[in-house]
Amino acid sequence: MCQADGTPVHPKTLSYIFEREIRRAGLLSIRLHDLRHTHATLALRAGVHPRVVQERLGHANVSITLDTYSHVDLDMQAAAAARVAALVAGADQ
């Protein structure tokens, strides 16, 4: 990101502006970086393939993404177990 004259914007400036606008809008406080985590968590919960999430976040490999967002796994594990159970139950018919 850069200013109109092409000079780079310091990352803390973006965080400051974001925090100011959050306060101005009367929203709960959240760091700009937290939006990255929120996006990744929601994408994984929505069933977006981890490889796609990895690419969007710019992680070097998918294991970093999965290790970082493993807290999503509990719900995903339950959903996966239910899907496999449905397949097994369906095989008996």
Protein backbone atom coordinates (compact mmCIF):
# COMPACT_ATOMS: atom_id res chain seq x y z
CA MET A 1 0.00 0.00 0.00
CA CYS A 2 1.24 3.46 -0.75
CA GLN A 3 0.33 7.11 -0.40
CA ALA A 4 -0.69 9.30 -3.34
CA ASP A 5 2.96 10.25 -3.95
CA GLY A 6 4.04 6.58 -4.05
CA THR A 7 5.71 6.48 -0.64
CA PRO A 8 4.81 3.45 1.46
CA VAL A 9 2.24 3.71 4.23
CA HIS A 10 3.59 2.49 7.56
CA PRO A 11 1.58 -0.58 8.72
CA LYS A 12 0.90 1.01 12.11
CA THR A 13 -0.83 3.88 10.31
CA LEU A 14 -3.35 1.44 8.83
CA SER A 15 -3.95 -0.11 12.25
CA TYR A 16 -4.42 3.33 13.79
CA ILE A 17 -6.95 4.35 11.13
CA PHE A 18 -8.79 1.06 11.49
CA GLU A 19 -8.99 1.42 15.30
CA ARG A 20 -10.21 5.01 14.96
CA GLU A 21 -12.96 3.99 12.54
CA ILE A 22 -14.01 1.06 14.75
CA ARG A 23 -14.42 3.47 17.69
CA ARG A 24 -16.20 6.01 15.50
CA ALA A 25 -18.65 3.36 14.33
CA GLY A 26 -19.30 2.24 17.92
CA LEU A 27 -18.22 -1.33 17.23
CA LEU A 28 -16.49 -3.71 19.59
CA SER A 29 -12.74 -3.32 19.53
CA ILE A 30 -10.88 -5.73 17.27
CA ARG A 31 -7.37 -5.52 15.88
CA LEU A 32 -6.99 -5.25 12.13
CA HIS A 33 -4.94 -8.47 12.18
CA ASP A 34 -7.82 -10.25 13.92
CA LEU A 35 -9.84 -9.85 10.74
CA ARG A 36 -7.33 -12.14 9.02
CA HIS A 37 -7.94 -14.82 11.64
CA THR A 38 -11.69 -14.33 11.45
CA HIS A 39 -11.62 -14.72 7.68
CA ALA A 40 -9.57 -17.92 7.86
CA THR A 41 -11.71 -19.44 10.60
CA LEU A 42 -14.98 -18.66 8.83
CA ALA A 43 -13.64 -19.93 5.51
CA LEU A 44 -12.61 -23.26 7.03
CA ARG A 45 -15.94 -23.59 8.86
CA ALA A 46 -17.74 -22.88 5.60
CA GLY A 47 -15.95 -25.83 4.03
CA VAL A 48 -13.46 -23.87 1.93
CA HIS A 49 -10.62 -26.24 1.11
CA PRO A 50 -7.61 -25.63 3.41
CA ARG A 51 -5.36 -25.23 0.38
CA VAL A 52 -7.45 -22.28 -0.82
CA VAL A 53 -7.33 -20.70 2.65
CA GLN A 54 -3.55 -21.28 2.74
CA GLU A 55 -3.11 -19.49 -0.57
CA ARG A 56 -5.33 -16.58 0.46
CA LEU A 57 -3.33 -16.10 3.67
CA GLY A 58 0.02 -16.49 1.92
CA HIS A 59 1.22 -19.33 4.15
CA ALA A 60 4.19 -21.27 2.81
CA ASN A 61 2.35 -24.56 3.15
CA VAL A 62 -1.05 -25.88 4.18
CA SER A 63 0.26 -27.37 7.43
CA ILE A 64 0.88 -23.86 8.79
CA THR A 65 -2.73 -22.98 8.06
CA LEU A 66 -4.07 -26.15 9.63
CA ASP A 67 -1.81 -25.87 12.69
CA THR A 68 -2.79 -22.23 13.25
CA TYR A 69 -6.51 -22.78 12.82
CA SER A 70 -6.82 -26.21 14.43
CA HIS A 71 -9.39 -24.80 16.89
CA VAL A 72 -11.89 -25.03 14.05
CA ASP A 73 -11.27 -28.78 13.93
CA LEU A 74 -13.62 -29.73 16.79
CA ASP A 75 -16.74 -28.74 14.89
CA MET A 76 -15.27 -30.04 11.66
CA GLN A 77 -14.39 -33.37 13.29
CA ALA A 78 -17.96 -33.81 14.50
CA ALA A 79 -19.32 -32.97 11.06
CA ALA A 80 -16.89 -35.38 9.39
CA ALA A 81 -17.85 -38.17 11.79
CA ALA A 82 -21.53 -37.59 11.03
CA ARG A 83 -20.89 -37.71 7.26
CA VAL A 84 -18.93 -40.96 7.49
CA ALA A 85 -21.57 -42.47 9.79
CA ALA A 86 -24.24 -41.57 7.24
CA LEU A 87 -22.23 -43.32 4.52
CA VAL A 88 -21.79 -46.43 6.66
CA ALA A 89 -25.48 -46.46 7.58
CA GLY A 90 -26.39 -46.03 3.93
CA ALA A 91 -24.17 -48.99 2.92
CA ASP A 92 -26.40 -51.38 4.89
CA GLN A 93 -29.46 -50.56 2.77
